[in-house]
Amino acid sequence: MNMKVLPKPLEFEWDKGNTNKNLKKHDITDSESEEVFSNKPLLLSLDKKHSIETEVRYHALGKTNSDKAMFISLTVRNNKVRIISARKANKRERKIYGKK
């Protein structure tokens, strides 16, 4: 499911707690995470399990400029994309992405 949730112009917001978190946990840089939003196709879906009344969360499947398949958890706050988590896509996610 693709949704029109991303703000234009596309801007990102990183807080101190999230800066380089994905580098430490998943060997993914913040800039690699941002690249996914500039490459097509980008698949967005609602993350019903982690959304709460005050914040809607989404999953994104996409690829970096170096063609690395990625899974990203995100929200949009104050008209900016806030990446919660970014990692390499697993086998099932790569299969879903490959069908698009």
Protein backbone atom coordinates (compact mmCIF):
# COMPACT_ATOMS: atom_id res chain seq x y z
CA MET A 1 0.00 0.00 0.00
CA ASN A 2 1.45 3.39 -0.94
CA MET A 3 0.33 6.45 0.96
CA LYS A 4 0.68 10.18 0.57
CA VAL A 5 2.17 10.87 3.99
CA LEU A 6 5.59 12.29 3.21
CA PRO A 7 5.93 16.06 3.47
CA LYS A 8 7.14 18.20 0.59
CA PRO A 9 9.79 19.42 0.57
CA LEU A 10 11.18 16.30 2.19
CA GLU A 11 13.02 17.12 5.41
CA PHE A 12 14.38 14.89 8.14
CA GLU A 13 14.61 15.39 11.87
CA TRP A 14 17.10 13.54 14.04
CA ASP A 15 17.21 13.85 17.80
CA LYS A 16 20.29 13.17 19.92
CA GLY A 17 18.99 9.75 20.93
CA ASN A 18 18.50 8.63 17.33
CA THR A 19 21.59 10.11 15.67
CA ASN A 20 23.86 7.22 14.65
CA LYS A 21 21.71 4.69 16.56
CA ASN A 22 21.21 2.67 13.38
CA LEU A 23 24.93 2.76 12.65
CA LYS A 24 25.65 1.16 16.02
CA LYS A 25 22.82 -1.38 15.86
CA HIS A 26 22.56 -2.20 12.12
CA ASP A 27 25.62 -0.68 10.39
CA ILE A 28 23.37 1.80 8.54
CA THR A 29 24.29 5.49 8.46
CA ASP A 30 21.72 8.25 8.86
CA SER A 31 22.46 9.47 5.33
CA GLU A 32 21.88 5.96 3.90
CA SER A 33 18.52 5.92 5.67
CA GLU A 34 17.58 9.23 4.07
CA GLU A 35 18.64 8.02 0.58
CA VAL A 36 15.79 5.50 0.59
CA PHE A 37 13.23 8.31 0.33
CA SER A 38 14.80 9.64 -2.89
CA ASN A 39 14.83 6.31 -4.74
CA LYS A 40 11.98 4.51 -6.47
CA PRO A 41 10.08 2.46 -5.77
CA LEU A 42 9.41 3.44 -2.17
CA LEU A 43 6.74 1.34 -0.49
CA LEU A 44 4.98 2.81 2.54
CA SER A 45 2.53 1.05 4.80
CA LEU A 46 0.82 1.87 8.08
CA ASP A 47 2.41 0.33 11.17
CA LYS A 48 -0.79 -0.46 13.05
CA LYS A 49 1.03 -2.37 15.78
CA HIS A 50 3.21 0.57 16.87
CA SER A 51 0.94 3.51 16.10
CA ILE A 52 -0.63 5.24 19.08
CA GLU A 53 -3.36 7.84 19.42
CA THR A 54 -0.90 10.73 19.30
CA GLU A 55 1.49 9.36 16.68
CA VAL A 56 1.00 7.34 13.50
CA ARG A 57 3.94 5.20 12.46
CA TYR A 58 4.81 3.76 9.09
CA HIS A 59 7.06 1.15 7.53
CA ALA A 60 9.04 1.87 4.38
CA LEU A 61 10.71 -0.55 2.01
CA GLY A 62 13.18 0.97 -0.40
CA LYS A 63 16.78 1.05 -1.52
CA THR A 64 19.86 3.17 -0.96
CA ASN A 65 21.88 4.79 -3.73
CA SER A 66 24.14 1.71 -3.64
CA ASP A 67 21.07 -0.53 -4.20
CA LYS A 68 20.94 -1.88 -0.63
CA ALA A 69 17.38 -3.01 0.21
CA MET A 70 16.19 -1.33 3.42
CA PHE A 71 13.38 -1.54 5.98
CA ILE A 72 12.64 1.70 7.83
CA SER A 73 10.26 2.51 10.65
CA LEU A 74 9.24 6.18 10.70
CA THR A 75 6.80 8.83 11.75
CA VAL A 76 6.11 12.37 10.52
CA ARG A 77 6.35 15.13 13.14
CA ASN A 78 6.10 18.85 12.48
CA ASN A 79 6.11 18.15 8.74
CA LYS A 80 9.47 16.33 8.96
CA VAL A 81 10.30 12.65 8.56
CA ARG A 82 11.61 11.17 11.78
CA ILE A 83 13.34 7.82 11.23
CA ILE A 84 12.85 5.56 14.23
CA SER A 85 14.80 2.57 12.98
CA ALA A 86 16.59 1.56 9.78
CA ARG A 87 18.09 -1.80 8.87
CA LYS A 88 18.81 -4.00 5.89
CA ALA A 89 15.63 -5.67 4.63
CA ASN A 90 15.25 -9.34 5.51
CA LYS A 91 14.53 -12.05 2.93
CA ARG A 92 10.73 -11.72 3.18
CA GLU A 93 10.87 -7.92 2.90
CA ARG A 94 13.22 -8.11 -0.11
CA LYS A 95 10.74 -10.48 -1.78
CA ILE A 96 7.85 -8.05 -1.18
CA TYR A 97 9.94 -5.16 -2.49
CA GLY A 98 11.03 -7.15 -5.53
CA LYS A 99 7.41 -7.69 -6.58
CA LYS A 100 6.94 -3.94 -6.99
